[in-house]
Amino acid sequence: MDYFTLFGLPARYAIDRQQLVTRYQELQRQFHPDRFANQPEREKTLALQQAATINDGYQTLKHPLKRAEYMLSQQGFDLSNEQHTLQDTAFLMQQLELREELDAIEHSVKVERSAEPDAALAGFSSRLHKMIKTHSEQMEQLLDTEQWPDAADTVRKLRFLDKLQQQVEQLEERLLDDF
């Protein structure tokens, strides 16, 4: 059974998050291993497996990028284990430039404690957020229209941007810790 069916959701990118949460809670109550404590070992094991599936499904559908990757996996695109690389050289060059810019900001944060690196990081973060938003909207449109190969490329790009966003957040945390 696929995760969308498990949670009673239509198999599309946009989901009703409240319905997901409600159904998750219902399934958790129904298959919680404690409810099977006095049952035969086979039923305990099945309940534990079902609870794990419910948790995996919930975590997958809850997160937008994981949900997109899951939808693509349902169409034969295994992005988590693939060796496929992006062919969009302009995007790859942009990523190199963004990483260099973030490295320069991080270096300036270490060297000088002024408002200038903070402002540069805020501007960088804002531009990155806009790129993520644009690619996310594109990904949703491609998934909705079942343009799977293009959607897979967009997800690959979003993975790059997501990693960069995580680096920005780590740098912001370090800045806060320095105060």
N, C-alpha and C. Protein backbone atom coordinates (compact mmCIF):
# COMPACT_ATOMS: atom_id res chain seq x y z
N MET A 1 0.86 -1.18 0.00
CA MET A 1 0.00 0.00 0.00
C MET A 1 0.90 1.24 0.00
N ASP A 2 0.59 2.18 -0.87
CA ASP A 2 1.39 3.40 -0.91
C ASP A 2 0.96 4.34 0.23
N TYR A 3 1.81 5.30 0.52
CA TYR A 3 1.58 6.21 1.65
C TYR A 3 0.33 7.07 1.47
N PHE A 4 0.06 7.49 0.26
CA PHE A 4 -1.14 8.31 0.04
C PHE A 4 -2.39 7.52 0.39
N THR A 5 -2.45 6.28 -0.06
CA THR A 5 -3.60 5.43 0.24
C THR A 5 -3.68 5.16 1.74
N LEU A 6 -2.53 4.89 2.36
CA LEU A 6 -2.48 4.63 3.80
C LEU A 6 -3.13 5.76 4.59
N PHE A 7 -2.88 6.98 4.17
CA PHE A 7 -3.41 8.14 4.89
C PHE A 7 -4.69 8.70 4.29
N GLY A 8 -5.24 8.02 3.30
CA GLY A 8 -6.51 8.43 2.71
C GLY A 8 -6.43 9.74 1.95
N LEU A 9 -5.28 9.98 1.32
CA LEU A 9 -5.05 11.22 0.58
C LEU A 9 -4.97 10.94 -0.91
N PRO A 10 -5.42 11.88 -1.74
CA PRO A 10 -5.21 11.70 -3.17
C PRO A 10 -3.71 11.75 -3.48
N ALA A 11 -3.27 10.98 -4.46
CA ALA A 11 -1.85 10.91 -4.81
C ALA A 11 -1.46 12.12 -5.66
N ARG A 12 -1.30 13.24 -4.99
CA ARG A 12 -0.84 14.46 -5.65
C ARG A 12 0.03 15.24 -4.67
N TYR A 13 0.78 16.19 -5.21
CA TYR A 13 1.76 16.89 -4.37
C TYR A 13 1.08 17.70 -3.26
N ALA A 14 0.10 18.50 -3.61
CA ALA A 14 -0.59 19.32 -2.60
C ALA A 14 -1.46 18.40 -1.76
N ILE A 15 -1.24 18.44 -0.45
CA ILE A 15 -2.01 17.58 0.43
C ILE A 15 -2.70 18.41 1.51
N ASP A 16 -3.70 17.82 2.10
CA ASP A 16 -4.38 18.42 3.24
C ASP A 16 -3.59 18.00 4.48
N ARG A 17 -2.77 18.92 4.98
CA ARG A 17 -1.89 18.59 6.10
C ARG A 17 -2.67 18.21 7.35
N GLN A 18 -3.82 18.85 7.58
CA GLN A 18 -4.62 18.51 8.75
C GLN A 18 -5.17 17.09 8.64
N GLN A 19 -5.59 16.71 7.44
CA GLN A 19 -6.06 15.35 7.23
C GLN A 19 -4.93 14.35 7.46
N LEU A 20 -3.72 14.70 7.01
CA LEU A 20 -2.56 13.85 7.23
C LEU A 20 -2.31 13.65 8.72
N VAL A 21 -2.32 14.74 9.48
CA VAL A 21 -2.07 14.66 10.92
C VAL A 21 -3.15 13.85 11.62
N THR A 22 -4.40 14.12 11.28
CA THR A 22 -5.52 13.43 11.91
C THR A 22 -5.44 11.92 11.65
N ARG A 23 -5.22 11.56 10.39
CA ARG A 23 -5.16 10.14 10.04
C ARG A 23 -3.93 9.48 10.68
N TYR A 24 -2.82 10.20 10.75
CA TYR A 24 -1.62 9.69 11.40
C TYR A 24 -1.91 9.35 12.87
N GLN A 25 -2.57 10.26 13.56
CA GLN A 25 -2.90 10.02 14.97
C GLN A 25 -3.83 8.83 15.14
N GLU A 26 -4.80 8.72 14.24
CA GLU A 26 -5.72 7.57 14.30
C GLU A 26 -4.97 6.26 14.10
N LEU A 27 -4.12 6.22 13.11
CA LEU A 27 -3.36 5.01 12.82
C LEU A 27 -2.38 4.69 13.95
N GLN A 28 -1.78 5.71 14.53
CA GLN A 28 -0.86 5.49 15.65
C GLN A 28 -1.59 4.85 16.83
N ARG A 29 -2.78 5.36 17.12
CA ARG A 29 -3.55 4.77 18.22
C ARG A 29 -3.92 3.32 17.90
N GLN A 30 -4.29 3.08 16.67
CA GLN A 30 -4.74 1.75 16.26
C GLN A 30 -3.60 0.72 16.28
N PHE A 31 -2.41 1.12 15.88
CA PHE A 31 -1.31 0.16 15.73
C PHE A 31 -0.17 0.38 16.71
N HIS A 32 -0.39 1.14 17.75
CA HIS A 32 0.68 1.37 18.72
C HIS A 32 1.08 0.03 19.34
N PRO A 33 2.39 -0.25 19.37
CA PRO A 33 2.85 -1.55 19.90
C PRO A 33 2.36 -1.87 21.31
N ASP A 34 2.13 -0.89 22.16
CA ASP A 34 1.65 -1.15 23.52
C ASP A 34 0.29 -1.83 23.51
N ARG A 35 -0.51 -1.57 22.50
CA ARG A 35 -1.83 -2.20 22.40
C ARG A 35 -1.73 -3.69 22.12
N PHE A 36 -0.56 -4.13 21.69
CA PHE A 36 -0.37 -5.53 21.32
C PHE A 36 0.55 -6.26 22.29
N ALA A 37 0.78 -5.67 23.46
CA ALA A 37 1.71 -6.24 24.44
C ALA A 37 1.31 -7.64 24.88
N ASN A 38 0.04 -7.93 24.98
CA ASN A 38 -0.42 -9.24 25.44
C ASN A 38 -0.79 -10.18 24.30
N GLN A 39 -0.47 -9.80 23.09
CA GLN A 39 -0.80 -10.60 21.91
C GLN A 39 0.35 -11.56 21.59
N PRO A 40 0.07 -12.56 20.76
CA PRO A 40 1.14 -13.46 20.32
C PRO A 40 2.27 -12.69 19.63
N GLU A 41 3.45 -13.27 19.63
CA GLU A 41 4.64 -12.61 19.09
C GLU A 41 4.45 -12.17 17.63
N ARG A 42 3.79 -12.97 16.84
CA ARG A 42 3.55 -12.63 15.44
C ARG A 42 2.75 -11.35 15.30
N GLU A 43 1.70 -11.19 16.11
CA GLU A 43 0.88 -9.97 16.06
C GLU A 43 1.65 -8.76 16.56
N LYS A 44 2.49 -8.96 17.57
CA LYS A 44 3.34 -7.86 18.07
C LYS A 44 4.27 -7.38 16.95
N THR A 45 4.86 -8.34 16.26
CA THR A 45 5.79 -8.00 15.18
C THR A 45 5.07 -7.27 14.06
N LEU A 46 3.89 -7.75 13.68
CA LEU A 46 3.12 -7.09 12.63
C LEU A 46 2.73 -5.67 13.03
N ALA A 47 2.32 -5.50 14.29
CA ALA A 47 1.95 -4.16 14.77
C ALA A 47 3.17 -3.23 14.75
N LEU A 48 4.32 -3.75 15.14
CA LEU A 48 5.54 -2.95 15.14
C LEU A 48 5.92 -2.55 13.71
N GLN A 49 5.80 -3.48 12.78
CA GLN A 49 6.08 -3.18 11.38
C GLN A 49 5.09 -2.14 10.84
N GLN A 50 3.83 -2.30 11.19
CA GLN A 50 2.82 -1.35 10.72
C GLN A 50 3.07 0.04 11.31
N ALA A 51 3.44 0.10 12.58
CA ALA A 51 3.74 1.39 13.22
C ALA A 51 4.93 2.05 12.54
N ALA A 52 5.94 1.26 12.17
CA ALA A 52 7.11 1.80 11.48
C ALA A 52 6.72 2.34 10.11
N THR A 53 5.87 1.61 9.40
CA THR A 53 5.40 2.07 8.09
C THR A 53 4.61 3.36 8.22
N ILE A 54 3.77 3.43 9.23
CA ILE A 54 2.97 4.64 9.47
C ILE A 54 3.90 5.83 9.74
N ASN A 55 4.91 5.63 10.58
CA ASN A 55 5.85 6.71 10.89
C ASN A 55 6.63 7.14 9.65
N ASP A 56 7.11 6.16 8.87
CA ASP A 56 7.85 6.49 7.65
C ASP A 56 6.96 7.26 6.67
N GLY A 57 5.73 6.78 6.51
CA GLY A 57 4.80 7.45 5.60
C GLY A 57 4.50 8.87 6.03
N TYR A 58 4.29 9.04 7.32
CA TYR A 58 3.98 10.38 7.84
C TYR A 58 5.16 11.33 7.60
N GLN A 59 6.37 10.89 7.95
CA GLN A 59 7.55 11.73 7.77
C GLN A 59 7.78 12.06 6.29
N THR A 60 7.50 11.10 5.43
CA THR A 60 7.68 11.31 3.99
C THR A 60 6.68 12.32 3.44
N LEU A 61 5.42 12.14 3.77
CA LEU A 61 4.38 13.03 3.22
C LEU A 61 4.39 14.41 3.88
N LYS A 62 4.85 14.48 5.10
CA LYS A 62 4.86 15.75 5.84
C LYS A 62 5.86 16.75 5.24
N HIS A 63 6.99 16.27 4.78
CA HIS A 63 8.04 17.15 4.27
C HIS A 63 7.92 17.29 2.74
N PRO A 64 7.81 18.50 2.26
CA PRO A 64 7.58 18.73 0.82
C PRO A 64 8.59 18.05 -0.11
N LEU A 65 9.88 18.17 0.19
CA LEU A 65 10.87 17.59 -0.71
C LEU A 65 10.82 16.06 -0.65
N LYS A 66 10.66 15.50 0.53
CA LYS A 66 10.53 14.04 0.66
C LYS A 66 9.28 13.55 -0.06
N ARG A 67 8.20 14.32 0.03
CA ARG A 67 6.95 13.94 -0.64
C ARG A 67 7.16 13.91 -2.15
N ALA A 68 7.85 14.91 -2.67
CA ALA A 68 8.12 14.95 -4.11
C ALA A 68 9.00 13.77 -4.52
N GLU A 69 10.03 13.49 -3.73
CA GLU A 69 10.91 12.36 -4.02
C GLU A 69 10.11 11.05 -4.00
N TYR A 70 9.20 10.92 -3.04
CA TYR A 70 8.37 9.73 -2.95
C TYR A 70 7.48 9.59 -4.19
N MET A 71 6.85 10.69 -4.58
CA MET A 71 6.00 10.65 -5.78
C MET A 71 6.81 10.21 -7.00
N LEU A 72 8.02 10.73 -7.10
CA LEU A 72 8.87 10.36 -8.23
C LEU A 72 9.30 8.89 -8.13
N SER A 73 9.53 8.41 -6.91
CA SER A 73 9.91 7.00 -6.75
C SER A 73 8.76 6.09 -7.19
N GLN A 74 7.53 6.56 -6.98
CA GLN A 74 6.37 5.80 -7.43
C GLN A 74 6.32 5.70 -8.97
N GLN A 75 7.03 6.61 -9.62
CA GLN A 75 7.08 6.63 -11.09
C GLN A 75 8.39 6.05 -11.63
N GLY A 76 9.18 5.46 -10.73
CA GLY A 76 10.41 4.81 -11.17
C GLY A 76 11.67 5.65 -11.06
N PHE A 77 11.60 6.83 -10.46
CA PHE A 77 12.76 7.69 -10.28
C PHE A 77 13.25 7.54 -8.85
N ASP A 78 14.35 6.82 -8.67
CA ASP A 78 14.91 6.62 -7.33
C ASP A 78 16.01 7.64 -7.10
N LEU A 79 15.63 8.81 -6.64
CA LEU A 79 16.58 9.91 -6.48
C LEU A 79 17.55 9.70 -5.33
N SER A 80 17.17 8.88 -4.36
CA SER A 80 18.04 8.69 -3.20
C SER A 80 19.23 7.78 -3.50
N ASN A 81 19.11 6.90 -4.47
CA ASN A 81 20.19 5.96 -4.77
C ASN A 81 20.76 6.12 -6.18
N GLU A 82 20.46 7.21 -6.81
CA GLU A 82 20.87 7.34 -8.21
C GLU A 82 22.26 7.95 -8.34
N GLN A 83 22.84 7.69 -9.48
CA GLN A 83 24.13 8.26 -9.82
C GLN A 83 23.96 9.37 -10.86
N HIS A 84 22.71 9.68 -11.20
CA HIS A 84 22.40 10.69 -12.21
C HIS A 84 22.86 12.06 -11.71
N THR A 85 23.48 12.81 -12.56
CA THR A 85 23.90 14.16 -12.18
C THR A 85 23.12 15.18 -12.99
N LEU A 86 23.06 16.35 -12.46
CA LEU A 86 22.37 17.43 -13.17
C LEU A 86 23.13 17.79 -14.45
N GLN A 87 22.39 18.01 -15.49
CA GLN A 87 22.98 18.39 -16.77
C GLN A 87 22.92 19.89 -17.00
N ASP A 88 22.23 20.59 -16.12
CA ASP A 88 22.04 22.04 -16.26
C ASP A 88 23.30 22.76 -15.77
N THR A 89 24.21 23.04 -16.72
CA THR A 89 25.49 23.65 -16.34
C THR A 89 25.31 25.06 -15.78
N ALA A 90 24.32 25.79 -16.26
CA ALA A 90 24.08 27.14 -15.73
C ALA A 90 23.69 27.06 -14.26
N PHE A 91 22.85 26.10 -13.91
CA PHE A 91 22.46 25.92 -12.51
C PHE A 91 23.67 25.51 -11.67
N LEU A 92 24.47 24.60 -12.18
CA LEU A 92 25.65 24.14 -11.44
C LEU A 92 26.64 25.29 -11.22
N MET A 93 26.82 26.12 -12.23
CA MET A 93 27.70 27.29 -12.08
C MET A 93 27.14 28.25 -11.04
N GLN A 94 25.83 28.44 -11.07
CA GLN A 94 25.18 29.29 -10.07
C GLN A 94 25.43 28.73 -8.67
N GLN A 95 25.35 27.41 -8.52
CA GLN A 95 25.58 26.79 -7.22
C GLN A 95 27.00 27.03 -6.73
N LEU A 96 27.96 26.89 -7.65
CA LEU A 96 29.35 27.16 -7.28
C LEU A 96 29.52 28.61 -6.82
N GLU A 97 28.92 29.53 -7.54
CA GLU A 97 29.01 30.94 -7.18
C GLU A 97 28.35 31.21 -5.83
N LEU A 98 27.21 30.59 -5.60
CA LEU A 98 26.52 30.77 -4.32
C LEU A 98 27.35 30.21 -3.17
N ARG A 99 27.94 29.05 -3.37
CA ARG A 99 28.79 28.46 -2.31
C ARG A 99 30.01 29.33 -2.03
N GLU A 100 30.61 29.87 -3.09
CA GLU A 100 31.75 30.77 -2.90
C GLU A 100 31.32 32.03 -2.15
N GLU A 101 30.16 32.55 -2.49
CA GLU A 101 29.65 33.75 -1.81
C GLU A 101 29.40 33.46 -0.33
N LEU A 102 28.80 32.30 -0.05
CA LEU A 102 28.54 31.93 1.35
C LEU A 102 29.85 31.72 2.10
N ASP A 103 30.83 31.11 1.45
CA ASP A 103 32.15 30.94 2.07
C ASP A 103 32.77 32.29 2.40
N ALA A 104 32.64 33.25 1.49
CA ALA A 104 33.19 34.59 1.72
C ALA A 104 32.47 35.26 2.90
N ILE A 105 31.17 35.09 2.97
CA ILE A 105 30.41 35.66 4.09
C ILE A 105 30.86 35.02 5.40
N GLU A 106 31.00 33.70 5.38
CA GLU A 106 31.43 32.99 6.59
C GLU A 106 32.83 33.45 7.02
N HIS A 107 33.70 33.63 6.06
CA HIS A 107 35.05 34.12 6.36
C HIS A 107 35.00 35.51 6.98
N SER A 108 34.16 36.37 6.41
CA SER A 108 34.07 37.73 6.95
C SER A 108 33.45 37.74 8.34
N VAL A 109 32.56 36.78 8.61
CA VAL A 109 31.98 36.67 9.96
C VAL A 109 33.06 36.32 10.96
N LYS A 110 33.96 35.42 10.56
CA LYS A 110 35.04 35.00 11.46
C LYS A 110 36.05 36.12 11.69
N VAL A 111 36.31 36.92 10.66
CA VAL A 111 37.34 37.94 10.72
C VAL A 111 36.86 39.21 11.41
N GLU A 112 35.68 39.67 11.04
CA GLU A 112 35.19 40.94 11.59
C GLU A 112 33.81 40.75 12.20
N ARG A 113 33.63 41.27 13.36
CA ARG A 113 32.33 41.19 14.03
C ARG A 113 31.65 42.54 13.90
N SER A 114 31.10 42.78 12.73
CA SER A 114 30.36 44.01 12.51
C SER A 114 29.02 43.64 11.90
N ALA A 115 28.21 44.63 11.63
CA ALA A 115 26.89 44.39 11.03
C ALA A 115 27.00 44.02 9.56
N GLU A 116 28.16 44.29 8.94
CA GLU A 116 28.30 44.04 7.51
C GLU A 116 28.12 42.56 7.14
N PRO A 117 28.81 41.62 7.81
CA PRO A 117 28.59 40.20 7.47
C PRO A 117 27.15 39.75 7.76
N ASP A 118 26.57 40.27 8.84
CA ASP A 118 25.18 39.92 9.16
C ASP A 118 24.24 40.37 8.05
N ALA A 119 24.45 41.58 7.55
CA ALA A 119 23.61 42.11 6.47
C ALA A 119 23.83 41.31 5.19
N ALA A 120 25.07 40.93 4.92
CA ALA A 120 25.37 40.13 3.73
C ALA A 120 24.69 38.77 3.83
N LEU A 121 24.73 38.17 5.00
CA LEU A 121 24.09 36.87 5.20
C LEU A 121 22.57 36.99 5.06
N ALA A 122 22.01 38.05 5.59
CA ALA A 122 20.55 38.26 5.48
C ALA A 122 20.15 38.41 4.01
N GLY A 123 20.93 39.16 3.24
CA GLY A 123 20.64 39.33 1.82
C GLY A 123 20.78 38.03 1.06
N PHE A 124 21.83 37.28 1.37
CA PHE A 124 22.05 35.99 0.74
C PHE A 124 20.89 35.05 1.06
N SER A 125 20.49 35.01 2.31
CA SER A 125 19.40 34.14 2.75
C SER A 125 18.10 34.50 2.04
N SER A 126 17.85 35.78 1.88
CA SER A 126 16.64 36.24 1.19
C SER A 126 16.64 35.80 -0.28
N ARG A 127 17.77 35.96 -0.96
CA ARG A 127 17.86 35.53 -2.36
C ARG A 127 17.69 34.02 -2.48
N LEU A 128 18.30 33.28 -1.54
CA LEU A 128 18.19 31.83 -1.56
C LEU A 128 16.74 31.40 -1.34
N HIS A 129 16.07 32.07 -0.42
CA HIS A 129 14.66 31.76 -0.16
C HIS A 129 13.82 31.95 -1.42
N LYS A 130 14.08 33.01 -2.16
CA LYS A 130 13.34 33.27 -3.41
C LYS A 130 13.60 32.17 -4.44
N MET A 131 14.86 31.72 -4.53
CA MET A 131 15.19 30.65 -5.47
C MET A 131 14.47 29.36 -5.09
N ILE A 132 14.47 29.06 -3.81
CA ILE A 132 13.79 27.85 -3.34
C ILE A 132 12.30 27.93 -3.63
N LYS A 133 11.72 29.09 -3.38
CA LYS A 133 10.28 29.28 -3.64
C LYS A 133 9.98 29.09 -5.13
N THR A 134 10.78 29.69 -5.99
CA THR A 134 10.57 29.58 -7.44
C THR A 134 10.68 28.12 -7.90
N HIS A 135 11.72 27.43 -7.46
CA HIS A 135 11.90 26.03 -7.85
C HIS A 135 10.81 25.14 -7.25
N SER A 136 10.37 25.45 -6.04
CA SER A 136 9.30 24.66 -5.41
C SER A 136 7.99 24.80 -6.19
N GLU A 137 7.68 26.02 -6.60
CA GLU A 137 6.47 26.24 -7.40
C GLU A 137 6.56 25.50 -8.73
N GLN A 138 7.74 25.55 -9.34
CA GLN A 138 7.96 24.86 -10.61
C GLN A 138 7.80 23.35 -10.40
N MET A 139 8.39 22.82 -9.32
CA MET A 139 8.30 21.40 -9.03
C MET A 139 6.85 20.96 -8.85
N GLU A 140 6.09 21.73 -8.10
CA GLU A 140 4.70 21.38 -7.88
C GLU A 140 3.92 21.34 -9.19
N GLN A 141 4.15 22.32 -10.05
CA GLN A 141 3.47 22.36 -11.34
C GLN A 141 3.86 21.16 -12.19
N LEU A 142 5.13 20.80 -12.19
CA LEU A 142 5.60 19.65 -12.97
C LEU A 142 5.05 18.34 -12.44
N LEU A 143 4.97 18.21 -11.12
CA LEU A 143 4.41 17.00 -10.52
C LEU A 143 2.92 16.90 -10.84
N ASP A 144 2.22 18.02 -10.72
CA ASP A 144 0.77 18.02 -10.98
C ASP A 144 0.45 17.66 -12.43
N THR A 145 1.34 18.03 -13.35
CA THR A 145 1.10 17.74 -14.76
C THR A 145 1.83 16.47 -15.20
N GLU A 146 2.36 15.74 -14.23
CA GLU A 146 3.02 14.45 -14.45
C GLU A 146 4.15 14.52 -15.46
N GLN A 147 4.90 15.59 -15.40
CA GLN A 147 6.11 15.74 -16.22
C GLN A 147 7.29 15.23 -15.39
N TRP A 148 7.32 13.91 -15.23
CA TRP A 148 8.21 13.27 -14.26
C TRP A 148 9.70 13.56 -14.47
N PRO A 149 10.26 13.45 -15.67
CA PRO A 149 11.70 13.73 -15.81
C PRO A 149 12.07 15.17 -15.43
N ASP A 150 11.25 16.13 -15.87
CA ASP A 150 11.53 17.53 -15.52
C ASP A 150 11.33 17.76 -14.02
N ALA A 151 10.33 17.11 -13.44
CA ALA A 151 10.11 17.23 -12.00
C ALA A 151 11.31 16.65 -11.25
N ALA A 152 11.85 15.53 -11.72
CA ALA A 152 13.01 14.93 -11.07
C ALA A 152 14.21 15.88 -11.12
N ASP A 153 14.43 16.54 -12.26
CA ASP A 153 15.53 17.51 -12.34
C ASP A 153 15.32 18.67 -11.39
N THR A 154 14.09 19.12 -11.27
CA THR A 154 13.79 20.23 -10.35
C THR A 154 14.01 19.80 -8.91
N VAL A 155 13.65 18.58 -8.57
CA VAL A 155 13.89 18.07 -7.21
C VAL A 155 15.40 18.00 -6.95
N ARG A 156 16.15 17.56 -7.93
CA ARG A 156 17.61 17.52 -7.78
C ARG A 156 18.15 18.92 -7.47
N LYS A 157 17.63 19.91 -8.18
CA LYS A 157 18.06 21.29 -7.94
C LYS A 157 17.66 21.74 -6.53
N LEU A 158 16.46 21.38 -6.13
CA LEU A 158 16.00 21.76 -4.79
C LEU A 158 16.85 21.10 -3.70
N ARG A 159 17.36 19.93 -3.97
CA ARG A 159 18.25 19.28 -3.00
C ARG A 159 19.52 20.11 -2.80
N PHE A 160 20.08 20.62 -3.90
CA PHE A 160 21.25 21.50 -3.81
C PHE A 160 20.90 22.72 -2.96
N LEU A 161 19.79 23.35 -3.30
CA LEU A 161 19.38 24.56 -2.60
C LEU A 161 19.08 24.29 -1.13
N ASP A 162 18.49 23.14 -0.85
CA ASP A 162 18.18 22.77 0.53
C ASP A 162 19.46 22.61 1.35
N LYS A 163 20.47 21.98 0.77
CA LYS A 163 21.75 21.84 1.48
C LYS A 163 22.37 23.21 1.76
N LEU A 164 22.27 24.08 0.78
CA LEU A 164 22.80 25.43 0.94
C LEU A 164 22.03 26.16 2.04
N GLN A 165 20.71 25.97 2.07
CA GLN A 165 19.88 26.58 3.12
C GLN A 165 20.29 26.07 4.50
N GLN A 166 20.59 24.80 4.60
CA GLN A 166 21.03 24.24 5.88
C GLN A 166 22.35 24.87 6.32
N GLN A 167 23.25 25.12 5.37
CA GLN A 167 24.51 25.77 5.71
C GLN A 167 24.28 27.20 6.19
N VAL A 168 23.34 27.89 5.56
CA VAL A 168 23.00 29.26 5.98
C VAL A 168 22.47 29.22 7.41
N GLU A 169 21.58 28.29 7.70
CA GLU A 169 21.01 28.19 9.04
C GLU A 169 22.08 27.87 10.09
N GLN A 170 23.04 27.02 9.74
CA GLN A 170 24.13 26.71 10.66
C GLN A 170 24.98 27.93 10.93
N LEU A 171 25.24 28.71 9.89
CA LEU A 171 26.03 29.94 10.05
C LEU A 171 25.26 30.95 10.92
N GLU A 172 23.95 31.06 10.68
CA GLU A 172 23.13 31.96 11.51
C GLU A 172 23.16 31.53 12.97
N GLU A 173 23.11 30.23 13.22
CA GLU A 173 23.18 29.74 14.60
C GLU A 173 24.51 30.07 15.25
N ARG A 174 25.59 29.92 14.48
CA ARG A 174 26.91 30.27 15.02
C ARG A 174 27.00 31.74 15.34
N LEU A 175 26.38 32.58 14.48
CA LEU A 175 26.37 34.02 14.76
C LEU A 175 25.63 34.31 16.07
N LEU A 176 24.52 33.64 16.27
CA LEU A 176 23.76 33.84 17.51
C LEU A 176 24.52 33.33 18.71
N ASP A 177 25.22 32.24 18.57
CA ASP A 177 25.99 31.67 19.68
C ASP A 177 27.16 32.56 20.08
N ASP A 178 27.66 33.36 19.13
CA ASP A 178 28.80 34.24 19.41
C ASP A 178 28.41 35.43 20.28
N PHE A 179 27.12 35.68 20.41
CA PHE A 179 26.70 36.82 21.21
C PHE A 179 26.49 36.45 22.64
